[in-house]
C-alpha atoms as a PDB file:
ATOM      1  CA  MET A   1      24.991-111.049 -24.714  1.00  0.00           C
ATOM      2  CA  THR A   2      25.035-110.387 -21.028  1.00  0.00           C
ATOM      3  CA  GLN A   3      22.563-108.494 -19.171  1.00  0.00           C
ATOM      4  CA  ALA A   4      23.030-105.587 -17.074  1.00  0.00           C
ATOM      5  CA  LEU A   5      22.597-105.808 -13.492  1.00  0.00           C
ATOM      6  CA  PRO A   6      19.389-103.917 -12.163  1.00  0.00           C
ATOM      7  CA  LEU A   7      19.779-100.633 -11.309  1.00  0.00           C
ATOM      8  CA  ALA A   8      18.878-101.559  -7.630  1.00  0.00           C
ATOM      9  CA  LEU A   9      21.750-104.263  -7.079  1.00  0.00           C
ATOM     10  CA  LYS A  10      24.160-101.501  -8.768  1.00  0.00           C
ATOM     11  CA  ARG A  11      23.267 -98.975  -6.236  1.00  0.00           C
ATOM     12  CA  SER A  12      23.675-101.316  -3.435  1.00  0.00           C
ATOM     13  CA  LEU A  13      27.108-102.962  -4.488  1.00  0.00           C
ATOM     14  CA  VAL A  14      28.235 -99.297  -4.781  1.00  0.00           C
ATOM     15  CA  PHE A  15      27.027 -98.405  -1.325  1.00  0.00           C
ATOM     16  CA  LEU A  16      28.725-101.366  -0.132  1.00  0.00           C
ATOM     17  CA  TRP A  17      32.102-100.609  -1.745  1.00  0.00           C
ATOM     18  CA  LEU A  18      31.890 -97.247  -0.332  1.00  0.00           C
ATOM     19  CA  VAL A  19      31.122 -98.376   3.191  1.00  0.00           C
ATOM     20  CA  PHE A  20      34.152-100.868   3.015  1.00  0.00           C
ATOM     21  CA  LEU A  21      36.584 -97.884   1.860  1.00  0.00           C
ATOM     22  CA  LEU A  22      35.439 -95.639   4.646  1.00  0.00           C
ATOM     23  CA  LEU A  23      35.898 -98.479   7.367  1.00  0.00           C
ATOM     24  CA  LEU A  24      39.366 -99.089   5.524  1.00  0.00           C
ATOM     25  CA  ALA A  25      40.185 -95.093   5.701  1.00  0.00           C
ATOM     26  CA  LEU A  26      39.134 -95.266   9.387  1.00  0.00           C
ATOM     27  CA  VAL A  27      41.444 -98.069  10.357  1.00  0.00           C
ATOM     28  CA  LEU A  28      44.326 -96.587   8.504  1.00  0.00           C
ATOM     29  CA  GLY A  29      43.591 -93.138   9.946  1.00  0.00           C
ATOM     30  CA  VAL A  30      43.990 -94.580  13.083  1.00  0.00           C
ATOM     31  CA  ALA A  31      46.910 -96.511  12.778  1.00  0.00           C
ATOM     32  CA  LEU A  32      49.032 -94.130  10.776  1.00  0.00           C
ATOM     33  CA  GLY A  33      50.597 -91.396  12.883  1.00  0.00           C
ATOM     34  CA  ALA A  34      53.681 -90.413  14.713  1.00  0.00           C
ATOM     35  CA  VAL A  35      53.910 -93.791  16.296  1.00  0.00           C
ATOM     36  CA  SER A  36      52.562 -96.349  13.544  1.00  0.00           C
ATOM     37  CA  LEU A  37      50.462 -99.014  15.189  1.00  0.00           C
ATOM     38  CA  PRO A  38      49.611-102.502  13.558  1.00  0.00           C
ATOM     39  CA  VAL A  39      46.528-102.882  11.976  1.00  0.00           C
ATOM     40  CA  GLY A  40      45.704-105.929  14.017  1.00  0.00           C
ATOM     41  CA  GLU A  41      46.066-103.848  17.339  1.00  0.00           C
ATOM     42  CA  VAL A  42      43.742-100.882  16.072  1.00  0.00           C
ATOM     43  CA  VAL A  43      41.164-103.446  14.974  1.00  0.00           C
ATOM     44  CA  SER A  44      41.402-105.264  18.435  1.00  0.00           C
ATOM     45  CA  ALA A  45      40.966-101.729  20.336  1.00  0.00           C
ATOM     46  CA  LEU A  46      38.031-100.517  18.058  1.00  0.00           C
ATOM     47  CA  LEU A  47      36.341-103.749  18.731  1.00  0.00           C
ATOM     48  CA  GLY A  48      36.840-103.616  22.597  1.00  0.00           C
ATOM     49  CA  LEU A  49      39.044-106.689  22.585  1.00  0.00           C
ATOM     50  CA  LYS A  50      42.171-104.668  23.653  1.00  0.00           C
ATOM     51  CA  GLU A  51      42.471-101.417  25.479  1.00  0.00           C
ATOM     52  CA  ASN A  52      44.930 -98.945  23.655  1.00  0.00           C
ATOM     53  CA  PRO A  53      44.383 -95.256  24.950  1.00  0.00           C
ATOM     54  CA  ILE A  54      46.249 -94.004  21.643  1.00  0.00           C
ATOM     55  CA  VAL A  55      43.530 -95.461  19.584  1.00  0.00           C
ATOM     56  CA  THR A  56      40.537 -94.774  21.966  1.00  0.00           C
ATOM     57  CA  GLU A  57      41.612 -91.509  23.665  1.00  0.00           C
ATOM     58  CA  MET A  58      43.530 -89.454  20.696  1.00  0.00           C
ATOM     59  CA  ARG A  59      43.408 -90.841  17.019  1.00  0.00           C
ATOM     60  CA  LEU A  60      39.374 -92.145  17.065  1.00  0.00           C
ATOM     61  CA  PRO A  61      37.963 -88.719  17.898  1.00  0.00           C
ATOM     62  CA  ARG A  62      40.472 -87.092  15.601  1.00  0.00           C
ATOM     63  CA  VAL A  63      39.524 -89.451  12.550  1.00  0.00           C
ATOM     64  CA  LEU A  64      35.852 -89.460  13.388  1.00  0.00           C
ATOM     65  CA  GLY A  65      35.808 -85.838  13.678  1.00  0.00           C
ATOM     66  CA  GLY A  66      37.397 -85.483  10.356  1.00  0.00           C
ATOM     67  CA  MET A  67      34.914 -87.912   8.693  1.00  0.00           C
ATOM     68  CA  LEU A  68      31.862 -85.909   9.954  1.00  0.00           C
ATOM     69  CA  VAL A  69      33.421 -82.514   8.437  1.00  0.00           C
ATOM     70  CA  GLY A  70      34.449 -84.142   5.399  1.00  0.00           C
END
């Protein structure tokens, strides 16, 4: 018989999965728009490795606002 995972571990795994999905939604929300941007370019802009005003000035505030409201 297999033993069930402890409740604390289950909750931690669910929390990590939800954080991953939230970050994925953030990247996709910034990448998709009237002009689609490559995911690598979006991640570089979010990490500050590359400057992209479309990401930092237009799409990121919109996506973050949507996440805060939702």
